[in-house]
Amino acid sequence: MQNKYIIKATGEREEFNSQKLRSSLERSKASPEIIEKVLTKVQEELKNGTSTKDIYTRAFSLLKKEAKPASISYSLRRAILDLGPTGFPFEQFIAEIFKAKGFETIIDYTARGECVEHEVDIVAWNSNQLIMTEAKFHNEPGMKSDLKVALYINSRWEDLKNCEFSEFGPQKRKMSEGWLVTNTKFSESAIRYARCRNMTLIGWNYPKKGNLQDLIEECGLHPITCLESITPSDEKLLMQSGIVLCKQARENLDIVKQSGLSKHKITEMLKEIDLIQK
């Protein structure tokens, strides 16, 4: 069969690799039979110059017909991208992951370093760890957090690492770790630098184990943007009310009802949430 070439989100042209599509379908936890069915159909329809976005859209459509919960898992990365252009809901989202891991959290904390003050996106702490995290949100899948970002963040951690903080427990304590978290990818130079400086990077597919997708699925924290029963304007209303996760919507019905969604929309949304989280 003649090789076919596709267009990546970065605009680069590369040969279509069916194993990449298979791997992403396998992460959706669809059955092997459904994966083969979707993969075969996508490859039959594939044309030279097809974008990765179009491939995703077609695979998602096929998967949704066969296994709705699996299609939602498959669309998780897109759902994170749809959290919004401001990045604030993404900070909330990462804070919720920390909470699910047993941490207490603060968003937008002003930390006084040895030289200057720093606005830290998320501070998470428990009895053993005090983690300061910078959350870099991108709303385009082809964007990466590059070396400049890693250099900048590391310089902040260097200014903070010897300082003591009294707000995070009964005694003053120093930062134990500094994280850089993004919803897309890191450049190779950023990864090399982070390894050299012992920085913790968490991206969509980095590191191989314990990456952002792993953490989301492990904690069962699906964003409301993965729901098909609500519109982008509905999502905005919910986010403005502090509802970013499906779990939050289910546990805070009073807030959902006050957000401006109709009773019918709320009923349909809850049915879909129950399907995802059953």
Protein backbone atom coordinates (compact mmCIF):
# COMPACT_ATOMS: atom_id res chain seq x y z
CA MET A 1 0.00 0.00 0.00
CA GLN A 2 1.30 3.43 -0.93
CA ASN A 3 2.53 5.50 2.00
CA LYS A 4 0.33 8.45 2.91
CA TYR A 5 1.37 11.71 4.53
CA ILE A 6 -0.54 13.77 7.05
CA ILE A 7 -0.24 17.31 8.41
CA LYS A 8 0.53 17.66 12.12
CA ALA A 9 -0.85 20.42 14.37
CA THR A 10 2.51 22.21 14.03
CA GLY A 11 2.09 22.33 10.23
CA GLU A 12 4.76 19.70 9.69
CA ARG A 13 4.23 16.91 7.15
CA GLU A 14 4.94 13.33 8.22
CA GLU A 15 4.16 9.80 7.13
CA PHE A 16 0.99 8.40 8.67
CA ASN A 17 1.81 5.97 11.49
CA SER A 18 -1.08 3.68 12.31
CA GLN A 19 0.59 2.63 15.57
CA LYS A 20 0.23 6.17 16.96
CA LEU A 21 -3.50 6.10 16.29
CA ARG A 22 -3.75 2.60 17.74
CA SER A 23 -1.95 3.71 20.91
CA SER A 24 -4.30 6.65 21.44
CA LEU A 25 -7.32 4.39 20.89
CA GLU A 26 -5.94 1.84 23.34
CA ARG A 27 -5.70 4.55 26.01
CA SER A 28 -9.44 5.10 25.63
CA LYS A 29 -9.90 1.56 27.02
CA ALA A 30 -12.10 0.55 24.10
CA SER A 31 -12.22 -3.18 23.39
CA PRO A 32 -9.65 -4.64 20.93
CA GLU A 33 -12.49 -5.38 18.48
CA ILE A 34 -13.70 -1.77 18.47
CA ILE A 35 -10.15 -0.44 18.16
CA GLU A 36 -9.54 -2.59 15.09
CA LYS A 37 -12.85 -1.51 13.58
CA VAL A 38 -12.11 2.22 14.05
CA LEU A 39 -8.49 1.89 12.92
CA THR A 40 -9.45 0.01 9.75
CA LYS A 41 -12.14 2.54 8.83
CA VAL A 42 -9.86 5.55 9.37
CA GLN A 43 -7.10 3.99 7.26
CA GLU A 44 -9.53 3.16 4.45
CA GLU A 45 -10.72 6.76 4.30
CA LEU A 46 -7.30 8.39 4.79
CA LYS A 47 -6.06 10.73 2.04
CA ASN A 48 -2.73 12.46 1.53
CA GLY A 49 -2.67 15.83 3.28
CA THR A 50 -5.27 14.93 5.90
CA SER A 51 -4.66 16.83 9.15
CA THR A 52 -4.19 15.12 12.49
CA LYS A 53 -7.21 17.10 13.68
CA ASP A 54 -9.38 15.55 10.96
CA ILE A 55 -8.08 12.09 11.84
CA TYR A 56 -8.94 12.68 15.49
CA THR A 57 -12.42 13.97 14.59
CA ARG A 58 -13.19 10.93 12.44
CA ALA A 59 -11.82 8.44 14.98
CA PHE A 60 -13.81 10.13 17.74
CA SER A 61 -17.00 10.00 15.67
CA LEU A 62 -16.56 6.30 14.98
CA LEU A 63 -15.64 5.52 18.57
CA LYS A 64 -18.65 7.42 19.90
CA LYS A 65 -20.99 5.19 17.91
CA GLU A 66 -19.37 2.04 19.28
CA ALA A 67 -18.52 2.94 22.90
CA LYS A 68 -19.54 6.30 24.37
CA PRO A 69 -17.43 6.14 27.58
CA ALA A 70 -14.35 5.18 25.55
CA SER A 71 -14.94 8.08 23.16
CA ILE A 72 -14.95 10.50 26.09
CA SER A 73 -11.64 9.12 27.33
CA TYR A 74 -10.26 9.40 23.78
CA SER A 75 -11.34 13.06 23.60
CA LEU A 76 -9.77 13.97 26.94
CA ARG A 77 -6.87 15.93 25.48
CA ARG A 78 -9.23 18.02 23.33
CA ALA A 79 -11.43 18.60 26.39
CA ILE A 80 -8.46 20.02 28.28
CA LEU A 81 -7.65 22.30 25.34
CA ASP A 82 -11.24 23.53 25.46
CA LEU A 83 -10.98 24.65 29.08
CA GLY A 84 -10.51 28.18 27.81
CA PRO A 85 -8.00 30.81 26.66
CA THR A 86 -7.35 32.38 30.07
CA GLY A 87 -5.70 29.36 31.65
CA PHE A 88 -7.41 29.98 35.01
CA PRO A 89 -9.70 26.95 34.79
CA PHE A 90 -6.58 24.90 34.01
CA GLU A 91 -5.01 26.07 37.28
CA GLN A 92 -8.18 25.00 39.09
CA PHE A 93 -8.03 21.69 37.27
CA ILE A 94 -4.46 20.97 38.38
CA ALA A 95 -5.34 22.01 41.94
CA GLU A 96 -8.16 19.44 41.92
CA ILE A 97 -5.69 16.73 40.90
CA PHE A 98 -3.54 17.63 43.89
CA LYS A 99 -6.61 17.55 46.16
CA ALA A 100 -7.50 14.09 44.86
CA LYS A 101 -3.99 13.04 45.88
CA GLY A 102 -4.58 14.26 49.44
CA PHE A 103 -3.00 17.72 49.24
CA GLU A 104 -4.32 21.06 50.41
CA THR A 105 -4.00 23.79 47.78
CA ILE A 106 -3.92 27.54 47.19
CA ILE A 107 -4.20 29.18 43.76
CA ASP A 108 -2.39 32.42 42.85
CA TYR A 109 -0.12 32.64 45.85
CA THR A 110 2.41 35.48 46.23
CA ALA A 111 5.68 33.98 47.44
CA ARG A 112 8.51 36.17 48.67
CA GLY A 113 11.84 34.96 47.32
CA GLU A 114 15.37 35.94 48.31
CA CYS A 115 15.38 38.64 45.66
CA VAL A 116 11.80 39.40 44.55
CA GLU A 117 8.19 38.29 44.96
CA HIS A 118 6.71 35.66 42.65
CA GLU A 119 3.12 34.87 41.69
CA VAL A 120 2.85 31.08 42.01
CA ASP A 121 -0.06 29.45 40.16
CA ILE A 122 -0.65 26.59 42.61
CA VAL A 123 0.80 25.70 45.98
CA ALA A 124 0.04 22.15 47.16
CA TRP A 125 1.07 20.72 50.51
CA ASN A 126 0.66 17.81 52.89
CA SER A 127 2.64 16.72 55.92
CA ASN A 128 5.63 15.70 53.81
CA GLN A 129 5.68 17.91 50.73
CA LEU A 130 5.34 21.57 49.80
CA ILE A 131 5.07 21.79 46.01
CA MET A 132 4.95 25.06 44.08
CA THR A 133 3.59 24.65 40.56
CA GLU A 134 3.52 26.79 37.45
CA ALA A 135 0.65 25.81 35.11
CA LYS A 136 1.20 26.62 31.43
CA PHE A 137 -2.00 26.32 29.44
CA HIS A 138 -2.06 26.17 25.62
CA ASN A 139 -5.27 26.10 23.57
CA GLU A 140 -3.56 24.71 20.46
CA PRO A 141 -2.23 21.12 20.44
CA GLY A 142 0.87 22.03 18.41
CA MET A 143 2.20 24.53 20.96
CA LYS A 144 4.99 23.42 23.28
CA SER A 145 6.53 24.72 26.48
CA ASP A 146 10.08 25.34 25.32
CA LEU A 147 13.52 25.94 26.81
CA LYS A 148 12.79 29.61 27.55
CA VAL A 149 9.86 28.59 29.73
CA ALA A 150 11.93 25.98 31.59
CA LEU A 151 14.75 28.50 32.17
CA TYR A 152 12.33 31.12 33.47
CA ILE A 153 10.53 28.76 35.83
CA ASN A 154 13.75 27.27 37.17
CA SER A 155 15.09 30.76 37.95
CA ARG A 156 11.97 31.35 40.09
CA TRP A 157 12.45 28.10 41.98
CA GLU A 158 16.11 29.02 42.58
CA ASP A 159 14.98 32.31 44.17
CA LEU A 160 12.43 30.49 46.36
CA LYS A 161 14.14 27.24 47.34
CA ASN A 162 15.98 28.59 50.41
CA CYS A 163 13.04 30.60 51.75
CA GLU A 164 10.77 29.44 54.57
CA PHE A 165 6.98 29.69 54.48
CA SER A 166 4.70 29.73 57.52
CA GLU A 167 1.27 29.36 55.84
CA PHE A 168 1.45 25.65 55.03
CA GLY A 169 1.48 23.79 58.32
CA PRO A 170 2.22 24.24 62.01
CA GLN A 171 5.86 25.12 61.38
CA LYS A 172 7.84 27.11 58.86
CA ARG A 173 8.99 24.99 55.96
CA LYS A 174 10.86 25.24 52.67
CA MET A 175 9.58 24.35 49.23
CA SER A 176 10.28 20.66 48.65
CA GLU A 177 9.60 20.64 44.89
CA GLY A 178 8.91 23.00 42.02
CA TRP A 179 6.77 21.70 39.15
CA LEU A 180 6.05 22.92 35.64
CA VAL A 181 2.80 21.47 34.29
CA THR A 182 1.41 21.93 30.78
CA ASN A 183 -1.55 20.45 28.89
CA THR A 184 0.46 19.92 25.69
CA LYS A 185 4.11 18.94 25.19
CA PHE A 186 7.62 20.09 26.06
CA SER A 187 10.38 20.75 23.56
CA GLU A 188 13.32 18.34 23.62
CA SER A 189 15.66 21.09 24.85
CA ALA A 190 13.28 21.90 27.73
CA ILE A 191 13.27 18.22 28.73
CA ARG A 192 17.08 17.97 28.57
CA TYR A 193 17.46 21.10 30.69
CA ALA A 194 14.90 19.89 33.24
CA ARG A 195 16.71 16.56 33.60
CA CYS A 196 20.00 18.39 34.14
CA ARG A 197 18.49 20.69 36.78
CA ASN A 198 16.25 18.06 38.43
CA MET A 199 13.11 19.97 37.53
CA THR A 200 9.78 18.16 37.58
CA LEU A 201 7.95 18.45 34.26
CA ILE A 202 4.42 17.13 33.79
CA GLY A 203 2.99 17.30 30.26
CA TRP A 204 0.31 15.52 28.28
CA ASN A 205 2.59 12.60 27.42
CA TYR A 206 5.62 13.34 29.61
CA PRO A 207 7.00 11.59 31.57
CA LYS A 208 6.15 8.18 30.18
CA LYS A 209 4.44 7.23 33.44
CA GLY A 210 2.76 9.78 35.69
CA ASN A 211 2.02 12.24 32.87
CA LEU A 212 -1.01 14.52 32.86
CA GLN A 213 -3.30 12.05 31.13
CA ASP A 214 -2.29 9.35 33.63
CA LEU A 215 -3.05 11.66 36.57
CA ILE A 216 -6.45 12.68 35.19
CA GLU A 217 -7.54 9.10 34.52
CA GLU A 218 -6.14 7.83 37.82
CA CYS A 219 -8.10 10.48 39.76
CA GLY A 220 -11.22 10.22 37.58
CA LEU A 221 -11.30 13.98 37.06
CA HIS A 222 -13.04 14.57 33.73
CA PRO A 223 -13.44 18.24 32.75
CA ILE A 224 -16.93 19.49 31.87
CA THR A 225 -15.60 20.26 28.38
CA CYS A 226 -15.73 16.54 27.59
CA LEU A 227 -19.54 16.58 27.78
CA GLU A 228 -21.62 16.66 24.61
CA SER A 229 -24.88 17.49 26.39
CA ILE A 230 -23.80 21.10 27.02
CA THR A 231 -22.65 23.89 24.70
CA PRO A 232 -19.53 26.09 24.97
CA SER A 233 -21.72 28.88 26.39
CA ASP A 234 -23.02 26.43 29.03
CA GLU A 235 -19.45 25.47 29.86
CA LYS A 236 -18.59 29.14 30.33
CA LEU A 237 -21.49 29.64 32.74
CA LEU A 238 -20.37 26.64 34.78
CA MET A 239 -16.73 27.72 34.86
CA GLN A 240 -17.74 31.22 35.98
CA SER A 241 -19.52 29.48 38.88
CA GLY A 242 -16.35 27.56 39.74
CA ILE A 243 -17.45 24.26 38.16
CA VAL A 244 -14.63 22.84 36.04
CA LEU A 245 -15.02 19.10 36.64
CA CYS A 246 -17.85 16.65 36.08
CA LYS A 247 -17.33 15.53 39.65
CA GLN A 248 -17.85 19.10 40.90
CA ALA A 249 -21.08 19.39 38.92
CA ARG A 250 -22.44 16.19 40.45
CA GLU A 251 -21.42 17.19 43.99
CA ASN A 252 -22.55 20.84 43.81
CA LEU A 253 -26.02 20.75 42.27
CA ASP A 254 -27.10 23.96 44.05
CA ILE A 255 -24.28 25.86 42.33
CA VAL A 256 -25.11 24.23 38.98
CA LYS A 257 -28.77 25.24 39.31
CA GLN A 258 -27.75 28.84 40.02
CA SER A 259 -25.36 28.98 37.05
CA GLY A 260 -28.10 29.72 34.50
CA LEU A 261 -28.50 26.29 32.86
CA SER A 262 -32.05 25.11 32.20
CA LYS A 263 -33.53 22.19 34.17
CA HIS A 264 -33.60 20.07 31.01
CA LYS A 265 -29.93 20.82 30.27
CA ILE A 266 -28.93 19.95 33.81
CA THR A 267 -30.84 16.66 33.66
CA GLU A 268 -29.16 15.66 30.38
CA MET A 269 -25.75 16.71 31.69
CA LEU A 270 -26.12 14.60 34.82
CA LYS A 271 -27.15 11.58 32.78
CA GLU A 272 -23.99 11.91 30.71
CA ILE A 273 -21.83 12.39 33.82
CA ASP A 274 -23.29 9.21 35.32
CA LEU A 275 -22.42 7.37 32.10
CA ILE A 276 -18.81 8.58 32.26
CA GLN A 277 -18.25 7.92 35.93
CA LYS A 278 -20.17 4.70 36.44
